[in-house]
PDB file of N, CA and C in Angstrom:
ATOM      1  N   MET A   1      31.205 -53.960 100.993  1.00  0.00           N
ATOM      2  CA  MET A   1      31.956 -54.793 100.729  1.00  0.00           C
ATOM      3  C   MET A   1      33.455 -54.331  99.800  1.00  0.00           C
ATOM      4  N   ASP A   2      34.551 -53.796  99.576  1.00  0.00           N
ATOM      5  CA  ASP A   2      35.280 -54.137  99.144  1.00  0.00           C
ATOM      6  C   ASP A   2      36.383 -54.873  98.852  1.00  0.00           C
ATOM      7  N   THR A   3      36.402 -55.894  97.548  1.00  0.00           N
ATOM      8  CA  THR A   3      37.187 -56.726  97.223  1.00  0.00           C
ATOM      9  C   THR A   3      38.019 -56.745  95.913  1.00  0.00           C
ATOM     10  N   LEU A   4      39.636 -56.615  95.793  1.00  0.00           N
ATOM     11  CA  LEU A   4      40.138 -57.091  94.903  1.00  0.00           C
ATOM     12  C   LEU A   4      40.819 -58.552  95.021  1.00  0.00           C
ATOM     13  N   VAL A   5      40.570 -59.257  93.178  1.00  0.00           N
ATOM     14  CA  VAL A   5      39.824 -60.377  93.259  1.00  0.00           C
ATOM     15  C   VAL A   5      41.573 -60.630  91.737  1.00  0.00           C
ATOM     16  N   LYS A   6      42.387 -61.249  91.810  1.00  0.00           N
ATOM     17  CA  LYS A   6      43.064 -61.348  90.983  1.00  0.00           C
ATOM     18  C   LYS A   6      42.764 -63.027  89.574  1.00  0.00           C
ATOM     19  N   ILE A   7      42.443 -62.711  88.787  1.00  0.00           N
ATOM     20  CA  ILE A   7      41.547 -64.212  88.128  1.00  0.00           C
ATOM     21  C   ILE A   7      43.093 -63.545  87.087  1.00  0.00           C
ATOM     22  N   ASN A   8      43.198 -65.410  86.784  1.00  0.00           N
ATOM     23  CA  ASN A   8      43.969 -66.176  85.691  1.00  0.00           C
ATOM     24  C   ASN A   8      43.439 -67.337  85.188  1.00  0.00           C
ATOM     25  N   GLY A   9      44.537 -67.139  84.361  1.00  0.00           N
ATOM     26  CA  GLY A   9      44.004 -68.683  83.667  1.00  0.00           C
ATOM     27  C   GLY A   9      42.244 -69.322  82.724  1.00  0.00           C
ATOM     28  N   VAL A  10      42.016 -70.058  83.302  1.00  0.00           N
ATOM     29  CA  VAL A  10      40.694 -70.309  83.095  1.00  0.00           C
ATOM     30  C   VAL A  10      39.719 -69.744  83.392  1.00  0.00           C
ATOM     31  N   PRO A  11      39.767 -69.603  84.473  1.00  0.00           N
ATOM     32  CA  PRO A  11      38.402 -68.127  85.156  1.00  0.00           C
ATOM     33  C   PRO A  11      38.673 -66.893  84.777  1.00  0.00           C
ATOM     34  N   ALA A  12      40.021 -66.302  84.128  1.00  0.00           N
ATOM     35  CA  ALA A  12      40.087 -64.947  84.036  1.00  0.00           C
ATOM     36  C   ALA A  12      39.399 -65.750  81.746  1.00  0.00           C
ATOM     37  N   ILE A  13      39.186 -66.621  81.481  1.00  0.00           N
ATOM     38  CA  ILE A  13      39.237 -66.684  79.649  1.00  0.00           C
ATOM     39  C   ILE A  13      37.829 -67.038  80.206  1.00  0.00           C
ATOM     40  N   THR A  14      36.913 -67.886  81.586  1.00  0.00           N
ATOM     41  CA  THR A  14      36.064 -68.083  81.014  1.00  0.00           C
ATOM     42  C   THR A  14      35.253 -66.269  81.829  1.00  0.00           C
ATOM     43  N   LEU A  15      35.205 -65.783  82.210  1.00  0.00           N
ATOM     44  CA  LEU A  15      34.525 -64.295  82.796  1.00  0.00           C
ATOM     45  C   LEU A  15      34.452 -63.878  81.833  1.00  0.00           C
ATOM     46  N   GLY A  16      35.980 -63.307  80.880  1.00  0.00           N
ATOM     47  CA  GLY A  16      36.156 -63.383  79.684  1.00  0.00           C
ATOM     48  C   GLY A  16      35.052 -63.068  78.507  1.00  0.00           C
ATOM     49  N   LEU A  17      34.473 -64.569  78.784  1.00  0.00           N
ATOM     50  CA  LEU A  17      33.727 -65.464  77.225  1.00  0.00           C
ATOM     51  C   LEU A  17      32.266 -64.600  77.742  1.00  0.00           C
ATOM     52  N   LEU A  18      32.387 -64.959  79.250  1.00  0.00           N
ATOM     53  CA  LEU A  18      30.358 -64.251  79.862  1.00  0.00           C
ATOM     54  C   LEU A  18      30.016 -63.310  79.716  1.00  0.00           C
ATOM     55  N   ILE A  19      31.383 -61.970  79.145  1.00  0.00           N
ATOM     56  CA  ILE A  19      30.733 -61.340  78.752  1.00  0.00           C
ATOM     57  C   ILE A  19      30.570 -61.104  77.654  1.00  0.00           C
ATOM     58  N   GLU A  20      32.234 -61.441  76.772  1.00  0.00           N
ATOM     59  CA  GLU A  20      31.695 -61.549  75.074  1.00  0.00           C
ATOM     60  C   GLU A  20      30.973 -61.878  74.521  1.00  0.00           C
ATOM     61  N   LYS A  21      30.294 -62.475  74.906  1.00  0.00           N
ATOM     62  CA  LYS A  21      29.140 -63.553  74.653  1.00  0.00           C
ATOM     63  C   LYS A  21      27.875 -62.864  74.545  1.00  0.00           C
ATOM     64  N   GLY A  22      27.073 -61.835  75.686  1.00  0.00           N
ATOM     65  CA  GLY A  22      26.172 -61.070  75.683  1.00  0.00           C
ATOM     66  C   GLY A  22      25.608 -61.693  77.525  1.00  0.00           C
ATOM     67  N   TYR A  23      26.708 -62.463  77.851  1.00  0.00           N
ATOM     68  CA  TYR A  23      25.015 -63.134  79.606  1.00  0.00           C
ATOM     69  C   TYR A  23      25.656 -61.929  80.487  1.00  0.00           C
ATOM     70  N   PHE A  24      26.425 -60.711  80.445  1.00  0.00           N
ATOM     71  CA  PHE A  24      27.099 -60.258  81.201  1.00  0.00           C
ATOM     72  C   PHE A  24      27.573 -59.053  81.170  1.00  0.00           C
ATOM     73  N   LYS A  25      27.314 -57.732  81.439  1.00  0.00           N
ATOM     74  CA  LYS A  25      27.950 -56.795  80.921  1.00  0.00           C
ATOM     75  C   LYS A  25      29.604 -55.962  81.592  1.00  0.00           C
ATOM     76  N   THR A  26      28.805 -57.238  83.110  1.00  0.00           N
ATOM     77  CA  THR A  26      30.621 -56.836  84.010  1.00  0.00           C
ATOM     78  C   THR A  26      31.591 -56.913  83.917  1.00  0.00           C
ATOM     79  N   LYS A  27      32.168 -57.811  84.668  1.00  0.00           N
ATOM     80  CA  LYS A  27      33.391 -58.822  85.775  1.00  0.00           C
ATOM     81  C   LYS A  27      32.549 -58.649  86.508  1.00  0.00           C
ATOM     82  N   ALA A  28      31.949 -57.181  87.357  1.00  0.00           N
ATOM     83  CA  ALA A  28      31.472 -57.699  89.079  1.00  0.00           C
ATOM     84  C   ALA A  28      29.845 -58.341  88.908  1.00  0.00           C
ATOM     85  N   GLU A  29      29.251 -58.164  87.512  1.00  0.00           N
ATOM     86  CA  GLU A  29      28.124 -59.057  87.790  1.00  0.00           C
ATOM     87  C   GLU A  29      28.601 -60.831  87.823  1.00  0.00           C
ATOM     88  N   VAL A  30      29.736 -61.274  86.847  1.00  0.00           N
ATOM     89  CA  VAL A  30      29.754 -62.464  86.696  1.00  0.00           C
ATOM     90  C   VAL A  30      29.870 -62.918  87.545  1.00  0.00           C
ATOM     91  N   ILE A  31      31.023 -61.989  89.240  1.00  0.00           N
ATOM     92  CA  ILE A  31      31.068 -62.208  90.041  1.00  0.00           C
ATOM     93  C   ILE A  31      30.087 -63.038  90.967  1.00  0.00           C
ATOM     94  N   ARG A  32      29.047 -61.710  90.782  1.00  0.00           N
ATOM     95  CA  ARG A  32      28.328 -61.974  92.048  1.00  0.00           C
ATOM     96  C   ARG A  32      27.532 -62.490  91.297  1.00  0.00           C
ATOM     97  N   ALA A  33      27.028 -63.044  90.308  1.00  0.00           N
ATOM     98  CA  ALA A  33      26.436 -64.326  89.482  1.00  0.00           C
ATOM     99  C   ALA A  33      26.910 -65.517  90.282  1.00  0.00           C
ATOM    100  N   GLY A  34      27.927 -65.964  89.689  1.00  0.00           N
ATOM    101  CA  GLY A  34      28.766 -66.654  90.982  1.00  0.00           C
ATOM    102  C   GLY A  34      28.751 -66.838  92.414  1.00  0.00           C
ATOM    103  N   ILE A  35      29.071 -65.623  93.167  1.00  0.00           N
ATOM    104  CA  ILE A  35      28.825 -66.362  94.668  1.00  0.00           C
ATOM    105  C   ILE A  35      27.273 -66.446  94.679  1.00  0.00           C
ATOM    106  N   LEU A  36      26.269 -66.234  93.908  1.00  0.00           N
ATOM    107  CA  LEU A  36      24.817 -66.273  94.393  1.00  0.00           C
ATOM    108  C   LEU A  36      24.528 -67.693  94.137  1.00  0.00           C
ATOM    109  N   ASN A  37      25.323 -68.581  93.137  1.00  0.00           N
ATOM    110  CA  ASN A  37      25.173 -69.098  91.817  1.00  0.00           C
ATOM    111  C   ASN A  37      25.612 -70.568  93.348  1.00  0.00           C
ATOM    112  N   LEU A  38      27.117 -70.003  94.300  1.00  0.00           N
ATOM    113  CA  LEU A  38      27.449 -70.874  95.233  1.00  0.00           C
ATOM    114  C   LEU A  38      26.452 -71.560  96.343  1.00  0.00           C
ATOM    115  N   GLY A  39      25.576 -69.956  96.540  1.00  0.00           N
ATOM    116  CA  GLY A  39      24.975 -70.177  97.441  1.00  0.00           C
ATOM    117  C   GLY A  39      24.279 -70.777  97.498  1.00  0.00           C
ATOM    118  N   GLU A  40      23.148 -71.225  96.276  1.00  0.00           N
ATOM    119  CA  GLU A  40      22.425 -72.116  95.915  1.00  0.00           C
ATOM    120  C   GLU A  40      22.699 -73.545  96.261  1.00  0.00           C
ATOM    121  N   LYS A  41      23.990 -73.491  96.122  1.00  0.00           N
ATOM    122  CA  LYS A  41      24.114 -74.943  95.585  1.00  0.00           C
ATOM    123  C   LYS A  41      24.771 -75.383  96.874  1.00  0.00           C
ATOM    124  N   TYR A  42      25.182 -74.472  97.298  1.00  0.00           N
ATOM    125  CA  TYR A  42      25.711 -75.304  98.635  1.00  0.00           C
ATOM    126  C   TYR A  42      24.106 -75.267 100.278  1.00  0.00           C
ATOM    127  N   ALA A  43      23.072 -74.841 100.048  1.00  0.00           N
ATOM    128  CA  ALA A  43      21.719 -74.590  99.882  1.00  0.00           C
ATOM    129  C   ALA A  43      21.687 -73.695 101.179  1.00  0.00           C
ATOM    130  N   LEU A  44      22.659 -72.771 100.601  1.00  0.00           N
ATOM    131  CA  LEU A  44      22.380 -71.071 101.347  1.00  0.00           C
ATOM    132  C   LEU A  44      21.462 -70.583 101.145  1.00  0.00           C
ATOM    133  N   ASN A  45      20.068 -70.766 101.816  1.00  0.00           N
ATOM    134  CA  ASN A  45      18.798 -69.999 101.792  1.00  0.00           C
ATOM    135  C   ASN A  45      18.967 -68.871 102.497  1.00  0.00           C
ATOM    136  N   LEU A  46      19.277 -67.131 101.626  1.00  0.00           N
ATOM    137  CA  LEU A  46      18.742 -65.714 101.963  1.00  0.00           C
ATOM    138  C   LEU A  46      18.281 -65.290 102.579  1.00  0.00           C
ATOM    139  N   LYS A  47      16.588 -65.853 102.457  1.00  0.00           N
ATOM    140  CA  LYS A  47      15.258 -65.389 102.587  1.00  0.00           C
ATOM    141  C   LYS A  47      15.106 -65.560 104.294  1.00  0.00           C
ATOM    142  N   ASP A  48      15.944 -66.767 104.634  1.00  0.00           N
ATOM    143  CA  ASP A  48      16.044 -67.655 106.067  1.00  0.00           C
ATOM    144  C   ASP A  48      16.857 -68.038 106.790  1.00  0.00           C
ATOM    145  N   PRO A  49      17.324 -66.796 107.434  1.00  0.00           N
ATOM    146  CA  PRO A  49      18.500 -66.729 108.015  1.00  0.00           C
ATOM    147  C   PRO A  49      18.465 -68.058 108.815  1.00  0.00           C
ATOM    148  N   LYS A  50      17.074 -68.800 109.613  1.00  0.00           N
ATOM    149  CA  LYS A  50      18.158 -69.904 110.359  1.00  0.00           C
ATOM    150  C   LYS A  50      18.275 -70.669 109.537  1.00  0.00           C
ATOM    151  N   GLU A  51      17.570 -70.833 108.478  1.00  0.00           N
ATOM    152  CA  GLU A  51      17.944 -72.055 107.408  1.00  0.00           C
ATOM    153  C   GLU A  51      20.106 -71.833 106.728  1.00  0.00           C
ATOM    154  N   MET A  52      20.089 -70.674 106.771  1.00  0.00           N
ATOM    155  CA  MET A  52      21.066 -70.355 106.420  1.00  0.00           C
ATOM    156  C   MET A  52      22.387 -70.721 107.194  1.00  0.00           C
ATOM    157  N   GLU A  53      22.430 -70.313 108.818  1.00  0.00           N
ATOM    158  CA  GLU A  53      22.721 -70.263 109.675  1.00  0.00           C
ATOM    159  C   GLU A  53      23.214 -71.798 109.402  1.00  0.00           C
ATOM    160  N   LEU A  54      22.088 -72.244 109.912  1.00  0.00           N
ATOM    161  CA  LEU A  54      22.091 -73.974 110.534  1.00  0.00           C
ATOM    162  C   LEU A  54      22.536 -75.307 108.796  1.00  0.00           C
ATOM    163  N   ASN A  55      23.161 -74.632 107.873  1.00  0.00           N
ATOM    164  CA  ASN A  55      23.406 -74.419 106.275  1.00  0.00           C
ATOM    165  C   ASN A  55      25.660 -74.481 106.952  1.00  0.00           C
ATOM    166  N   LEU A  56      25.413 -73.153 107.247  1.00  0.00           N
ATOM    167  CA  LEU A  56      26.503 -72.850 107.220  1.00  0.00           C
ATOM    168  C   LEU A  56      27.206 -73.501 108.287  1.00  0.00           C
ATOM    169  N   VAL A  57      26.348 -74.240 110.231  1.00  0.00           N
ATOM    170  CA  VAL A  57      27.230 -74.468 110.498  1.00  0.00           C
ATOM    171  C   VAL A  57      27.324 -75.985 110.191  1.00  0.00           C
ATOM    172  N   ALA A  58      27.028 -76.745 109.495  1.00  0.00           N
ATOM    173  CA  ALA A  58      27.342 -78.286 108.753  1.00  0.00           C
ATOM    174  C   ALA A  58      28.232 -77.924 107.960  1.00  0.00           C
ATOM    175  N   LEU A  59      28.783 -76.506 107.458  1.00  0.00           N
ATOM    176  CA  LEU A  59      29.383 -76.566 106.366  1.00  0.00           C
ATOM    177  C   LEU A  59      30.894 -76.299 107.731  1.00  0.00           C
ATOM    178  N   LYS A  60      30.808 -76.133 108.391  1.00  0.00           N
ATOM    179  CA  LYS A  60      31.831 -75.457 109.030  1.00  0.00           C
ATOM    180  C   LYS A  60      32.220 -76.937 110.309  1.00  0.00           C
ATOM    181  N   ILE A  61      31.523 -77.661 110.719  1.00  0.00           N
ATOM    182  CA  ILE A  61      31.645 -79.329 111.679  1.00  0.00           C
ATOM    183  C   ILE A  61      32.014 -80.410 110.197  1.00  0.00           C
ATOM    184  N   LYS A  62      31.330 -80.391 109.309  1.00  0.00           N
ATOM    185  CA  LYS A  62      32.801 -80.773 107.809  1.00  0.00           C
ATOM    186  C   LYS A  62      34.089 -80.350 107.610  1.00  0.00           C
ATOM    187  N   ALA A  63      34.081 -78.834 107.669  1.00  0.00           N
ATOM    188  CA  ALA A  63      35.919 -78.676 107.045  1.00  0.00           C
ATOM    189  C   ALA A  63      36.449 -79.627 108.894  1.00  0.00           C
ATOM    190  N   GLN A  64      35.562 -79.879 109.842  1.00  0.00           N
ATOM    191  CA  GLN A  64      36.492 -79.569 111.318  1.00  0.00           C
ATOM    192  C   GLN A  64      36.486 -81.442 110.953  1.00  0.00           C
ATOM    193  N   GLU A  65      35.453 -82.120 110.822  1.00  0.00           N
ATOM    194  CA  GLU A  65      35.639 -83.478 111.050  1.00  0.00           C
ATOM    195  C   GLU A  65      36.486 -83.847 110.053  1.00  0.00           C
ATOM    196  N   LYS A  66      37.074 -83.259 108.611  1.00  0.00           N
ATOM    197  CA  LYS A  66      38.247 -82.869 107.752  1.00  0.00           C
ATOM    198  C   LYS A  66      39.051 -82.952 108.474  1.00  0.00           C
ATOM    199  N   GLU A  67      39.267 -81.937 109.243  1.00  0.00           N
ATOM    200  CA  GLU A  67      41.117 -81.494 109.637  1.00  0.00           C
ATOM    201  C   GLU A  67      40.862 -82.513 110.660  1.00  0.00           C
ATOM    202  N   MET A  68      40.127 -83.100 111.734  1.00  0.00           N
ATOM    203  CA  MET A  68      40.754 -84.227 112.165  1.00  0.00           C
ATOM    204  C   MET A  68      40.560 -85.818 111.636  1.00  0.00           C
ATOM    205  N   LYS A  69      40.472 -86.206 110.508  1.00  0.00           N
ATOM    206  CA  LYS A  69      40.709 -87.257 110.209  1.00  0.00           C
ATOM    207  C   LYS A  69      41.472 -86.829 109.456  1.00  0.00           C
ATOM    208  N   LYS A  70      42.169 -85.790 109.803  1.00  0.00           N
ATOM    209  CA  LYS A  70      43.335 -85.282 108.956  1.00  0.00           C
ATOM    210  C   LYS A  70      44.671 -85.890 109.728  1.00  0.00           C
ATOM    211  N   SER A  71      44.073 -85.204 110.712  1.00  0.00           N
ATOM    212  CA  SER A  71      45.812 -84.752 112.289  1.00  0.00           C
ATOM    213  C   SER A  71      45.020 -86.070 113.056  1.00  0.00           C
ATOM    214  N   GLY A  72      44.281 -87.091 112.821  1.00  0.00           N
ATOM    215  CA  GLY A  72      43.945 -88.517 113.087  1.00  0.00           C
ATOM    216  C   GLY A  72      43.400 -88.027 114.952  1.00  0.00           C
ATOM    217  N   LYS A  73      43.222 -86.962 114.717  1.00  0.00           N
ATOM    218  CA  LYS A  73      42.203 -86.418 115.772  1.00  0.00           C
ATOM    219  C   LYS A  73      41.228 -87.820 116.434  1.00  0.00           C
ATOM    220  N   LYS A  74      39.901 -87.729 117.409  1.00  0.00           N
ATOM    221  CA  LYS A  74      39.427 -88.714 117.919  1.00  0.00           C
ATOM    222  C   LYS A  74      38.504 -87.196 118.461  1.00  0.00           C
ATOM    223  N   TYR A  75      36.824 -87.874 117.870  1.00  0.00           N
ATOM    224  CA  TYR A  75      35.883 -86.765 119.539  1.00  0.00           C
ATOM    225  C   TYR A  75      35.919 -87.436 120.282  1.00  0.00           C
ATOM    226  N   LEU A  76      35.647 -86.932 121.475  1.00  0.00           N
ATOM    227  CA  LEU A  76      35.575 -87.791 122.895  1.00  0.00           C
ATOM    228  C   LEU A  76      34.316 -87.973 122.736  1.00  0.00           C
ATOM    229  N   THR A  77      34.039 -89.675 123.265  1.00  0.00           N
ATOM    230  CA  THR A  77      32.913 -89.749 123.837  1.00  0.00           C
ATOM    231  C   THR A  77      31.646 -88.322 124.968  1.00  0.00           C
ATOM    232  N   LEU A  78      30.749 -89.495 124.949  1.00  0.00           N
ATOM    233  CA  LEU A  78      30.902 -88.479 126.343  1.00  0.00           C
ATOM    234  C   LEU A  78      30.268 -88.402 127.772  1.00  0.00           C
ATOM    235  N   GLU A  79      31.401 -89.433 127.748  1.00  0.00           N
ATOM    236  CA  GLU A  79      31.363 -90.299 129.439  1.00  0.00           C
ATOM    237  C   GLU A  79      32.906 -89.703 129.130  1.00  0.00           C
ATOM    238  N   GLU A  80      33.765 -89.656 128.190  1.00  0.00           N
ATOM    239  CA  GLU A  80      34.596 -88.898 128.356  1.00  0.00           C
ATOM    240  C   GLU A  80      34.673 -86.961 128.466  1.00  0.00           C
ATOM    241  N   VAL A  81      33.960 -86.344 128.002  1.00  0.00           N
ATOM    242  CA  VAL A  81      33.551 -85.122 127.911  1.00  0.00           C
ATOM    243  C   VAL A  81      33.413 -84.986 129.867  1.00  0.00           C
ATOM    244  N   LYS A  82      32.364 -85.997 129.997  1.00  0.00           N
ATOM    245  CA  LYS A  82      32.109 -85.537 131.909  1.00  0.00           C
ATOM    246  C   LYS A  82      32.541 -85.982 132.276  1.00  0.00           C
ATOM    247  N   LYS A  83      33.830 -86.863 132.374  1.00  0.00           N
ATOM    248  CA  LYS A  83      35.288 -87.276 133.066  1.00  0.00           C
ATOM    249  C   LYS A  83      36.285 -85.389 133.103  1.00  0.00           C
ATOM    250  N   LYS A  84      36.363 -85.433 131.952  1.00  0.00           N
ATOM    251  CA  LYS A  84      37.367 -84.111 131.990  1.00  0.00           C
ATOM    252  C   LYS A  84      36.770 -82.978 132.405  1.00  0.00           C
ATOM    253  N   TYR A  85      36.359 -82.689 132.170  1.00  0.00           N
ATOM    254  CA  TYR A  85      35.621 -81.283 132.756  1.00  0.00           C
ATOM    255  C   TYR A  85      34.855 -81.410 133.733  1.00  0.00           C
ATOM    256  N   GLY A  86      34.516 -83.443 134.848  1.00  0.00           N
ATOM    257  CA  GLY A  86      33.587 -82.645 136.063  1.00  0.00           C
ATOM    258  C   GLY A  86      32.929 -82.977 136.499  1.00  0.00           C
ATOM    259  N   LEU A  87      32.128 -83.282 135.127  1.00  0.00           N
ATOM    260  CA  LEU A  87      29.978 -82.873 135.306  1.00  0.00           C
ATOM    261  C   LEU A  87      29.704 -84.395 134.634  1.00  0.00           C
ATOM    262  N   LYS A  88      28.445 -84.584 135.659  1.00  0.00           N
ATOM    263  CA  LYS A  88      27.918 -85.110 135.850  1.00  0.00           C
ATOM    264  C   LYS A  88      26.572 -86.278 135.014  1.00  0.00           C
TER     265      LYS A  88
END
């Protein structure tokens, strides 16, 4: 996947220092390492696809809960869902 990213300010300075101090050779290496670090931070186990999928689902649910709280929407109870969709 090719991606073009414009980086300014503190992230740009950090990127430059990581290369200047010899931790990485290229900007691309820094960005790849950062992405992998985020994967670890959010417990996205790339070696276990099922676990990764569960973690992504959990992140999506958290985002939806945040959006619902922000917009004032509420979850339907099981009884409300059954009634709304004519289920038994």
